[in-house]
Amino acid sequence: MRRMHILPMFRKIFAISALVMSFSVPALADEPKVLSAHGDWTAYVFNENGNKVCYMASQPIKAEGAYTKRGDIFALVTHRPGEDSRDVFSYITGYSYKPSSNVSLSFGSKQFTLFTQNDMAWAVDDKTDRDIAKAIRGGSKMVVKGTSSRGTKTTDTFSLRGSSAAHDAISRECGLTP
């Protein structure tokens, strides 16, 4: 049922991004299209400036924290073969992070630290992105911990059921080997 909410949210994010980009450079991008759904993850594709962008997304199965208002939460892994970019992990948290804060990402005992800006978090480099994608594909649960600009601590838990199949789908669509 959660998957039904992902596409409209990405349409909204995509529309806002396209609007912002239209003021700086002309962006020619299609609307995201669902490739396939796999467990708790969904695979998408769209064209941007003539290049394919393939990504997989999921929402948490549990979101904890003493917050009163919070937007939608998404974990994504994105391939942009036209830019020689693959397995880029990004996280949309649904609130603005505390400035200069880090996010903790864990898969059991395996831990990663993400940097933040506004309402998003990313890995620090390509190797970490690849390691996170590998952990997502091989794990069963992912936990993301962060702190909002108001000091609220949050813990989001994701099921990784279907993540390997979703990763295979985006890799095939973008002509990459999983």
N, C-alpha and C. Protein backbone atom coordinates (compact mmCIF):
# COMPACT_ATOMS: atom_id res chain seq x y z
N MET A 1 0.81 -1.19 0.00
CA MET A 1 0.00 0.00 0.00
C MET A 1 0.87 1.27 0.00
N ARG A 2 2.02 1.21 0.71
CA ARG A 2 2.92 2.36 0.75
C ARG A 2 3.39 2.75 -0.64
N ARG A 3 3.59 1.76 -1.51
CA ARG A 3 4.12 2.05 -2.84
C ARG A 3 3.23 3.02 -3.61
N MET A 4 1.94 2.98 -3.37
CA MET A 4 1.03 3.86 -4.09
C MET A 4 1.32 5.32 -3.79
N HIS A 5 1.90 5.61 -2.62
CA HIS A 5 2.19 6.98 -2.23
C HIS A 5 3.54 7.46 -2.74
N ILE A 6 4.41 6.55 -3.12
CA ILE A 6 5.76 6.92 -3.55
C ILE A 6 5.72 7.67 -4.88
N LEU A 7 5.01 7.17 -5.88
CA LEU A 7 5.00 7.80 -7.18
C LEU A 7 4.46 9.23 -7.14
N PRO A 8 3.31 9.50 -6.48
CA PRO A 8 2.85 10.90 -6.42
C PRO A 8 3.86 11.81 -5.73
N MET A 9 4.53 11.33 -4.68
CA MET A 9 5.52 12.15 -3.99
C MET A 9 6.70 12.45 -4.91
N PHE A 10 7.16 11.44 -5.67
CA PHE A 10 8.27 11.68 -6.57
C PHE A 10 7.86 12.60 -7.72
N ARG A 11 6.60 12.53 -8.12
CA ARG A 11 6.12 13.47 -9.12
C ARG A 11 6.21 14.89 -8.56
N LYS A 12 5.83 15.06 -7.30
CA LYS A 12 5.91 16.37 -6.66
C LYS A 12 7.36 16.84 -6.56
N ILE A 13 8.24 15.96 -6.08
CA ILE A 13 9.66 16.29 -5.96
C ILE A 13 10.23 16.60 -7.34
N PHE A 14 9.88 15.78 -8.32
CA PHE A 14 10.37 15.97 -9.68
C PHE A 14 9.89 17.31 -10.24
N ALA A 15 8.61 17.63 -10.02
CA ALA A 15 8.05 18.89 -10.52
C ALA A 15 8.75 20.09 -9.90
N ILE A 16 8.99 20.03 -8.61
CA ILE A 16 9.68 21.13 -7.93
C ILE A 16 11.10 21.26 -8.46
N SER A 17 11.79 20.12 -8.59
CA SER A 17 13.17 20.14 -9.12
C SER A 17 13.20 20.69 -10.53
N ALA A 18 12.25 20.26 -11.35
CA ALA A 18 12.22 20.74 -12.74
C ALA A 18 11.95 22.24 -12.78
N LEU A 19 11.08 22.72 -11.92
CA LEU A 19 10.78 24.15 -11.87
C LEU A 19 12.03 24.94 -11.47
N VAL A 20 12.73 24.48 -10.44
CA VAL A 20 13.94 25.16 -10.00
C VAL A 20 14.99 25.15 -11.10
N MET A 21 15.16 24.00 -11.74
CA MET A 21 16.16 23.89 -12.80
C MET A 21 15.79 24.74 -14.01
N SER A 22 14.50 24.96 -14.24
CA SER A 22 14.10 25.73 -15.41
C SER A 22 14.55 27.18 -15.33
N PHE A 23 14.80 27.65 -14.13
CA PHE A 23 15.28 29.02 -13.98
C PHE A 23 16.77 29.14 -14.24
N SER A 24 17.51 28.02 -14.12
CA SER A 24 18.95 28.09 -14.31
C SER A 24 19.39 27.51 -15.66
N VAL A 25 18.92 26.33 -16.00
CA VAL A 25 19.24 25.72 -17.29
C VAL A 25 18.01 24.98 -17.79
N PRO A 26 17.85 24.90 -19.08
CA PRO A 26 16.69 24.16 -19.58
C PRO A 26 16.87 22.66 -19.30
N ALA A 27 15.96 22.07 -18.57
CA ALA A 27 16.02 20.64 -18.26
C ALA A 27 14.94 19.92 -19.06
N LEU A 28 15.35 18.92 -19.77
CA LEU A 28 14.42 18.12 -20.53
C LEU A 28 14.32 16.77 -19.85
N ALA A 29 13.25 16.57 -19.07
CA ALA A 29 13.12 15.35 -18.32
C ALA A 29 11.69 14.84 -18.40
N ASP A 30 11.58 13.52 -18.45
CA ASP A 30 10.28 12.86 -18.43
C ASP A 30 9.85 12.64 -16.99
N GLU A 31 8.58 12.32 -16.83
CA GLU A 31 8.06 11.96 -15.53
C GLU A 31 8.53 10.55 -15.19
N PRO A 32 8.85 10.27 -13.91
CA PRO A 32 9.28 8.91 -13.54
C PRO A 32 8.20 7.88 -13.87
N LYS A 33 8.66 6.70 -14.31
CA LYS A 33 7.77 5.59 -14.65
C LYS A 33 8.14 4.40 -13.78
N VAL A 34 7.15 3.75 -13.20
CA VAL A 34 7.40 2.56 -12.40
C VAL A 34 7.84 1.43 -13.33
N LEU A 35 9.00 0.86 -13.03
CA LEU A 35 9.46 -0.32 -13.76
C LEU A 35 8.83 -1.57 -13.16
N SER A 36 8.93 -1.68 -11.82
CA SER A 36 8.42 -2.87 -11.14
C SER A 36 8.46 -2.65 -9.63
N ALA A 37 7.64 -3.42 -8.94
CA ALA A 37 7.59 -3.38 -7.48
C ALA A 37 8.10 -4.72 -6.95
N HIS A 38 8.92 -4.64 -5.91
CA HIS A 38 9.54 -5.84 -5.34
C HIS A 38 9.51 -5.72 -3.82
N GLY A 39 8.62 -6.43 -3.17
CA GLY A 39 8.53 -6.35 -1.72
C GLY A 39 8.27 -4.93 -1.28
N ASP A 40 9.18 -4.37 -0.48
CA ASP A 40 9.04 -3.02 0.04
C ASP A 40 9.77 -1.97 -0.79
N TRP A 41 10.29 -2.34 -1.96
CA TRP A 41 11.03 -1.43 -2.82
C TRP A 41 10.38 -1.37 -4.21
N THR A 42 10.45 -0.20 -4.82
CA THR A 42 9.91 0.00 -6.16
C THR A 42 11.01 0.56 -7.06
N ALA A 43 11.09 0.06 -8.28
CA ALA A 43 12.08 0.50 -9.27
C ALA A 43 11.43 1.48 -10.24
N TYR A 44 12.16 2.57 -10.57
CA TYR A 44 11.66 3.63 -11.45
C TYR A 44 12.70 3.96 -12.51
N VAL A 45 12.23 4.61 -13.58
CA VAL A 45 13.12 5.13 -14.62
C VAL A 45 12.52 6.41 -15.18
N PHE A 46 13.38 7.34 -15.58
CA PHE A 46 12.96 8.51 -16.35
C PHE A 46 14.15 8.97 -17.17
N ASN A 47 13.86 9.81 -18.17
CA ASN A 47 14.91 10.38 -19.00
C ASN A 47 15.12 11.83 -18.61
N GLU A 48 16.38 12.21 -18.51
CA GLU A 48 16.74 13.58 -18.16
C GLU A 48 17.81 14.04 -19.13
N ASN A 49 17.50 15.07 -19.89
CA ASN A 49 18.44 15.59 -20.88
C ASN A 49 18.97 14.49 -21.80
N GLY A 50 18.07 13.57 -22.19
CA GLY A 50 18.43 12.50 -23.12
C GLY A 50 19.13 11.32 -22.48
N ASN A 51 19.30 11.32 -21.18
CA ASN A 51 19.97 10.22 -20.49
C ASN A 51 19.01 9.53 -19.52
N LYS A 52 19.13 8.20 -19.44
CA LYS A 52 18.30 7.44 -18.51
C LYS A 52 18.78 7.66 -17.08
N VAL A 53 17.81 7.77 -16.18
CA VAL A 53 18.06 7.78 -14.74
C VAL A 53 17.19 6.67 -14.17
N CYS A 54 17.81 5.74 -13.46
CA CYS A 54 17.09 4.61 -12.87
C CYS A 54 17.29 4.66 -11.37
N TYR A 55 16.20 4.49 -10.63
CA TYR A 55 16.35 4.51 -9.18
C TYR A 55 15.34 3.59 -8.52
N MET A 56 15.66 3.21 -7.30
CA MET A 56 14.76 2.40 -6.48
C MET A 56 14.49 3.18 -5.21
N ALA A 57 13.28 3.01 -4.67
CA ALA A 57 12.89 3.79 -3.51
C ALA A 57 12.05 2.95 -2.55
N SER A 58 12.11 3.33 -1.28
CA SER A 58 11.29 2.70 -0.27
C SER A 58 10.98 3.71 0.83
N GLN A 59 9.95 3.42 1.60
CA GLN A 59 9.60 4.21 2.77
C GLN A 59 9.76 3.34 4.00
N PRO A 60 9.97 3.94 5.17
CA PRO A 60 10.20 3.14 6.37
C PRO A 60 8.95 2.35 6.80
N ILE A 61 9.20 1.20 7.42
CA ILE A 61 8.11 0.43 8.00
C ILE A 61 7.81 0.94 9.41
N LYS A 62 8.77 1.71 9.98
CA LYS A 62 8.57 2.32 11.29
C LYS A 62 9.36 3.62 11.35
N ALA A 63 8.69 4.71 11.77
CA ALA A 63 9.34 6.02 11.92
C ALA A 63 9.08 6.48 13.36
N GLU A 64 10.18 6.66 14.12
CA GLU A 64 10.05 7.00 15.53
C GLU A 64 10.69 8.36 15.82
N GLY A 65 10.12 9.07 16.78
CA GLY A 65 10.65 10.35 17.21
C GLY A 65 9.54 11.17 17.84
N ALA A 66 9.92 12.11 18.69
CA ALA A 66 8.95 12.96 19.38
C ALA A 66 8.66 14.21 18.56
N TYR A 67 8.28 14.04 17.31
CA TYR A 67 7.99 15.16 16.43
C TYR A 67 6.48 15.35 16.33
N THR A 68 6.07 16.57 16.02
CA THR A 68 4.65 16.84 15.84
C THR A 68 4.26 16.86 14.37
N LYS A 69 5.20 17.20 13.51
CA LYS A 69 4.93 17.27 12.08
C LYS A 69 6.17 16.79 11.32
N ARG A 70 5.94 15.93 10.35
CA ARG A 70 7.05 15.40 9.55
C ARG A 70 6.53 15.05 8.17
N GLY A 71 7.31 15.37 7.15
CA GLY A 71 6.92 15.05 5.78
C GLY A 71 7.24 13.61 5.43
N ASP A 72 7.12 13.30 4.15
CA ASP A 72 7.38 11.95 3.66
C ASP A 72 8.86 11.61 3.76
N ILE A 73 9.12 10.32 3.97
CA ILE A 73 10.47 9.80 4.19
C ILE A 73 10.77 8.79 3.08
N PHE A 74 11.95 8.90 2.45
CA PHE A 74 12.32 7.98 1.38
C PHE A 74 13.81 7.65 1.44
N ALA A 75 14.14 6.40 1.15
CA ALA A 75 15.52 5.97 0.90
C ALA A 75 15.58 5.63 -0.59
N LEU A 76 16.66 6.06 -1.25
CA LEU A 76 16.80 5.85 -2.69
C LEU A 76 18.20 5.38 -3.05
N VAL A 77 18.28 4.61 -4.10
CA VAL A 77 19.55 4.25 -4.75
C VAL A 77 19.37 4.58 -6.22
N THR A 78 20.29 5.40 -6.78
CA THR A 78 20.12 5.93 -8.13
C THR A 78 21.32 5.61 -9.03
N HIS A 79 21.00 5.25 -10.28
CA HIS A 79 22.01 5.09 -11.34
C HIS A 79 21.80 6.21 -12.36
N ARG A 80 22.89 6.85 -12.76
CA ARG A 80 22.89 7.82 -13.86
C ARG A 80 24.04 7.46 -14.79
N PRO A 81 23.83 6.43 -15.64
CA PRO A 81 24.93 5.96 -16.48
C PRO A 81 25.47 7.03 -17.43
N GLY A 82 24.66 7.99 -17.83
CA GLY A 82 25.12 9.07 -18.70
C GLY A 82 26.14 9.96 -18.01
N GLU A 83 26.16 9.93 -16.69
CA GLU A 83 27.13 10.70 -15.90
C GLU A 83 28.16 9.78 -15.25
N ASP A 84 28.17 8.50 -15.67
CA ASP A 84 29.06 7.49 -15.10
C ASP A 84 28.89 7.41 -13.58
N SER A 85 27.64 7.43 -13.15
CA SER A 85 27.31 7.40 -11.73
C SER A 85 26.37 6.24 -11.46
N ARG A 86 26.67 5.48 -10.41
CA ARG A 86 25.81 4.35 -10.05
C ARG A 86 25.78 4.15 -8.55
N ASP A 87 24.72 3.54 -8.09
CA ASP A 87 24.55 3.18 -6.67
C ASP A 87 24.63 4.37 -5.72
N VAL A 88 24.18 5.53 -6.14
CA VAL A 88 24.21 6.71 -5.27
C VAL A 88 23.06 6.61 -4.27
N PHE A 89 23.41 6.56 -2.98
CA PHE A 89 22.41 6.48 -1.92
C PHE A 89 22.03 7.90 -1.50
N SER A 90 20.73 8.14 -1.38
CA SER A 90 20.26 9.42 -0.84
C SER A 90 19.07 9.15 0.06
N TYR A 91 18.87 10.07 0.98
CA TYR A 91 17.84 9.89 1.99
C TYR A 91 17.07 11.19 2.17
N ILE A 92 15.77 11.12 2.01
CA ILE A 92 14.89 12.27 2.24
C ILE A 92 14.21 12.03 3.58
N THR A 93 14.40 12.94 4.53
CA THR A 93 13.97 12.67 5.90
C THR A 93 12.64 13.25 6.32
N GLY A 94 12.09 14.18 5.57
CA GLY A 94 10.79 14.73 5.94
C GLY A 94 10.85 15.87 6.93
N TYR A 95 12.05 16.36 7.21
CA TYR A 95 12.26 17.55 8.04
C TYR A 95 13.64 18.10 7.72
N SER A 96 13.94 19.30 8.16
CA SER A 96 15.28 19.86 7.97
C SER A 96 16.20 19.34 9.07
N TYR A 97 17.37 18.87 8.65
CA TYR A 97 18.35 18.38 9.61
C TYR A 97 18.98 19.54 10.38
N LYS A 98 19.48 19.20 11.55
CA LYS A 98 20.28 20.14 12.33
C LYS A 98 21.50 20.49 11.48
N PRO A 99 21.82 21.79 11.32
CA PRO A 99 22.98 22.17 10.49
C PRO A 99 24.27 21.47 10.94
N SER A 100 25.05 21.04 9.97
CA SER A 100 26.34 20.37 10.19
C SER A 100 26.21 19.06 10.96
N SER A 101 25.03 18.46 10.96
CA SER A 101 24.86 17.18 11.65
C SER A 101 25.12 16.03 10.70
N ASN A 102 25.33 14.85 11.27
CA ASN A 102 25.50 13.64 10.49
C ASN A 102 24.33 12.71 10.76
N VAL A 103 24.17 11.73 9.90
CA VAL A 103 23.14 10.72 10.04
C VAL A 103 23.83 9.37 10.18
N SER A 104 23.29 8.54 11.04
CA SER A 104 23.81 7.19 11.24
C SER A 104 22.94 6.23 10.44
N LEU A 105 23.58 5.41 9.63
CA LEU A 105 22.91 4.41 8.81
C LEU A 105 23.48 3.06 9.21
N SER A 106 22.62 2.11 9.61
CA SER A 106 23.15 0.82 10.04
C SER A 106 22.38 -0.35 9.46
N PHE A 107 23.14 -1.41 9.25
CA PHE A 107 22.64 -2.70 8.79
C PHE A 107 23.20 -3.71 9.78
N GLY A 108 22.52 -3.94 10.88
CA GLY A 108 23.07 -4.78 11.95
C GLY A 108 24.29 -4.10 12.52
N SER A 109 25.43 -4.78 12.50
CA SER A 109 26.66 -4.21 13.07
C SER A 109 27.41 -3.32 12.06
N LYS A 110 27.02 -3.33 10.81
CA LYS A 110 27.68 -2.51 9.78
C LYS A 110 27.11 -1.10 9.85
N GLN A 111 27.98 -0.10 10.04
CA GLN A 111 27.57 1.29 10.23
C GLN A 111 28.16 2.20 9.15
N PHE A 112 27.38 3.22 8.78
CA PHE A 112 27.85 4.25 7.85
C PHE A 112 27.44 5.61 8.41
N THR A 113 28.21 6.64 8.07
CA THR A 113 27.88 8.01 8.45
C THR A 113 27.58 8.79 7.18
N LEU A 114 26.44 9.49 7.18
CA LEU A 114 26.04 10.30 6.04
C LEU A 114 26.14 11.76 6.40
N PHE A 115 26.40 12.62 5.42
CA PHE A 115 26.37 14.06 5.66
C PHE A 115 25.00 14.59 5.28
N THR A 116 24.63 15.73 5.82
CA THR A 116 23.28 16.27 5.61
C THR A 116 23.31 17.66 5.00
N GLN A 117 22.20 17.98 4.34
CA GLN A 117 21.94 19.34 3.87
C GLN A 117 20.43 19.47 3.75
N ASN A 118 19.88 20.47 4.42
CA ASN A 118 18.43 20.69 4.44
C ASN A 118 17.71 19.43 4.90
N ASP A 119 16.91 18.80 4.02
CA ASP A 119 16.15 17.61 4.42
C ASP A 119 16.70 16.33 3.80
N MET A 120 17.96 16.36 3.34
CA MET A 120 18.54 15.19 2.68
C MET A 120 19.87 14.79 3.30
N ALA A 121 20.21 13.50 3.10
CA ALA A 121 21.49 12.97 3.56
C ALA A 121 22.07 12.09 2.45
N TRP A 122 23.41 12.09 2.35
CA TRP A 122 24.12 11.33 1.33
C TRP A 122 25.39 10.71 1.90
N ALA A 123 25.91 9.71 1.17
CA ALA A 123 27.21 9.13 1.51
C ALA A 123 28.30 10.11 1.12
N VAL A 124 29.47 9.97 1.74
CA VAL A 124 30.55 10.93 1.51
C VAL A 124 31.32 10.70 0.21
N ASP A 125 31.26 9.47 -0.35
CA ASP A 125 32.02 9.20 -1.57
C ASP A 125 31.44 8.00 -2.31
N ASP A 126 31.98 7.74 -3.51
CA ASP A 126 31.49 6.65 -4.36
C ASP A 126 31.65 5.28 -3.71
N LYS A 127 32.78 5.05 -3.05
CA LYS A 127 33.01 3.75 -2.41
C LYS A 127 31.96 3.49 -1.34
N THR A 128 31.65 4.50 -0.55
CA THR A 128 30.63 4.34 0.49
C THR A 128 29.27 4.08 -0.14
N ASP A 129 28.96 4.79 -1.23
CA ASP A 129 27.70 4.52 -1.95
C ASP A 129 27.62 3.05 -2.36
N ARG A 130 28.69 2.53 -2.96
CA ARG A 130 28.70 1.13 -3.41
C ARG A 130 28.55 0.18 -2.22
N ASP A 131 29.23 0.49 -1.11
CA ASP A 131 29.12 -0.36 0.09
C ASP A 131 27.71 -0.34 0.66
N ILE A 132 27.06 0.82 0.65
CA ILE A 132 25.68 0.92 1.14
C ILE A 132 24.75 0.14 0.22
N ALA A 133 24.91 0.29 -1.10
CA ALA A 133 24.06 -0.46 -2.04
C ALA A 133 24.22 -1.96 -1.82
N LYS A 134 25.45 -2.40 -1.59
CA LYS A 134 25.71 -3.82 -1.34
C LYS A 134 25.03 -4.26 -0.04
N ALA A 135 25.09 -3.43 1.00
CA ALA A 135 24.45 -3.76 2.27
C ALA A 135 22.93 -3.79 2.12
N ILE A 136 22.37 -2.89 1.34
CA ILE A 136 20.93 -2.88 1.10
C ILE A 136 20.51 -4.16 0.38
N ARG A 137 21.27 -4.54 -0.63
CA ARG A 137 20.96 -5.76 -1.41
C ARG A 137 21.06 -7.01 -0.55
N GLY A 138 22.00 -7.05 0.38
CA GLY A 138 22.26 -8.27 1.14
C GLY A 138 21.65 -8.31 2.52
N GLY A 139 21.03 -7.22 2.96
CA GLY A 139 20.52 -7.17 4.32
C GLY A 139 19.04 -7.45 4.41
N SER A 140 18.53 -7.39 5.65
CA SER A 140 17.10 -7.58 5.87
C SER A 140 16.46 -6.34 6.49
N LYS A 141 17.30 -5.49 7.13
CA LYS A 141 16.77 -4.31 7.80
C LYS A 141 17.81 -3.19 7.75
N MET A 142 17.34 -1.96 7.58
CA MET A 142 18.20 -0.78 7.58
C MET A 142 17.61 0.21 8.58
N VAL A 143 18.47 0.81 9.41
CA VAL A 143 18.03 1.78 10.41
C VAL A 143 18.76 3.09 10.17
N VAL A 144 17.99 4.20 10.11
CA VAL A 144 18.54 5.52 9.86
C VAL A 144 18.20 6.40 11.06
N LYS A 145 19.24 7.01 11.67
CA LYS A 145 19.04 7.89 12.82
C LYS A 145 19.57 9.28 12.49
N GLY A 146 18.77 10.30 12.81
CA GLY A 146 19.15 11.68 12.54
C GLY A 146 18.58 12.62 13.58
N THR A 147 18.96 13.90 13.48
CA THR A 147 18.49 14.93 14.40
C THR A 147 17.98 16.12 13.59
N SER A 148 16.77 16.54 13.91
CA SER A 148 16.16 17.66 13.19
C SER A 148 16.77 18.99 13.61
N SER A 149 16.46 20.03 12.86
CA SER A 149 16.95 21.37 13.18
C SER A 149 16.43 21.85 14.53
N ARG A 150 15.38 21.24 15.03
CA ARG A 150 14.83 21.58 16.36
C ARG A 150 15.38 20.68 17.46
N GLY A 151 16.28 19.77 17.09
CA GLY A 151 16.89 18.89 18.08
C GLY A 151 16.15 17.58 18.30
N THR A 152 15.12 17.31 17.53
CA THR A 152 14.36 16.07 17.66
C THR A 152 15.14 14.92 17.05
N LYS A 153 15.35 13.87 17.83
CA LYS A 153 16.04 12.68 17.34
C LYS A 153 15.02 11.73 16.73
N THR A 154 15.36 11.17 15.56
CA THR A 154 14.46 10.25 14.87
C THR A 154 15.18 8.95 14.55
N THR A 155 14.41 7.88 14.50
CA THR A 155 14.91 6.57 14.08
C THR A 155 13.92 5.99 13.10
N ASP A 156 14.38 5.72 11.88
CA ASP A 156 13.54 5.16 10.82
C ASP A 156 14.05 3.77 10.47
N THR A 157 13.14 2.80 10.44
CA THR A 157 13.50 1.42 10.15
C THR A 157 12.88 1.01 8.81
N PHE A 158 13.73 0.48 7.94
CA PHE A 158 13.31 0.04 6.61
C PHE A 158 13.44 -1.47 6.49
N SER A 159 12.46 -2.08 5.84
CA SER A 159 12.58 -3.47 5.42
C SER A 159 13.38 -3.47 4.12
N LEU A 160 14.27 -4.41 3.96
CA LEU A 160 15.03 -4.52 2.72
C LEU A 160 14.49 -5.64 1.83
N ARG A 161 13.30 -6.14 2.18
CA ARG A 161 12.65 -7.18 1.39
C ARG A 161 12.39 -6.64 -0.02
N GLY A 162 12.92 -7.32 -1.01
CA GLY A 162 12.74 -6.92 -2.40
C GLY A 162 13.81 -5.98 -2.94
N SER A 163 14.73 -5.54 -2.07
CA SER A 163 15.73 -4.57 -2.50
C SER A 163 16.69 -5.13 -3.56
N SER A 164 17.05 -6.39 -3.42
CA SER A 164 17.97 -6.99 -4.40
C SER A 164 17.31 -7.07 -5.78
N ALA A 165 16.05 -7.48 -5.83
CA ALA A 165 15.34 -7.56 -7.11
C ALA A 165 15.12 -6.17 -7.70
N ALA A 166 14.82 -5.18 -6.86
CA ALA A 166 14.65 -3.80 -7.35
C ALA A 166 15.97 -3.27 -7.90
N HIS A 167 17.08 -3.57 -7.23
CA HIS A 167 18.39 -3.14 -7.71
C HIS A 167 18.72 -3.81 -9.04
N ASP A 168 18.41 -5.09 -9.17
CA ASP A 168 18.61 -5.79 -10.44
C ASP A 168 17.80 -5.11 -11.55
N ALA A 169 16.56 -4.73 -11.24
CA ALA A 169 15.68 -4.11 -12.24
C ALA A 169 16.24 -2.76 -12.72
N ILE A 170 16.71 -1.91 -11.80
CA ILE A 170 17.23 -0.61 -12.23
C ILE A 170 18.56 -0.77 -12.95
N SER A 171 19.34 -1.76 -12.53
CA SER A 171 20.63 -1.99 -13.20
C SER A 171 20.41 -2.47 -14.63
N ARG A 172 19.49 -3.42 -14.82
CA ARG A 172 19.19 -3.90 -16.18
C ARG A 172 18.67 -2.76 -17.04
N GLU A 173 17.73 -1.97 -16.50
CA GLU A 173 17.13 -0.89 -17.29
C GLU A 173 18.16 0.14 -17.72
N CYS A 174 19.15 0.39 -16.88
CA CYS A 174 20.18 1.37 -17.20
C CYS A 174 21.42 0.75 -17.84
N GLY A 175 21.33 -0.56 -18.20
CA GLY A 175 22.43 -1.21 -18.90
C GLY A 175 23.66 -1.46 -18.06
N LEU A 176 23.46 -1.66 -16.75
CA LEU A 176 24.57 -1.90 -15.84
C LEU A 176 24.49 -3.31 -15.28
N THR A 177 25.62 -3.86 -14.90
CA THR A 177 25.66 -5.16 -14.27
C THR A 177 25.42 -4.96 -12.77
N PRO A 178 24.45 -5.72 -12.21
CA PRO A 178 24.19 -5.57 -10.76
C PRO A 178 25.40 -5.91 -9.92
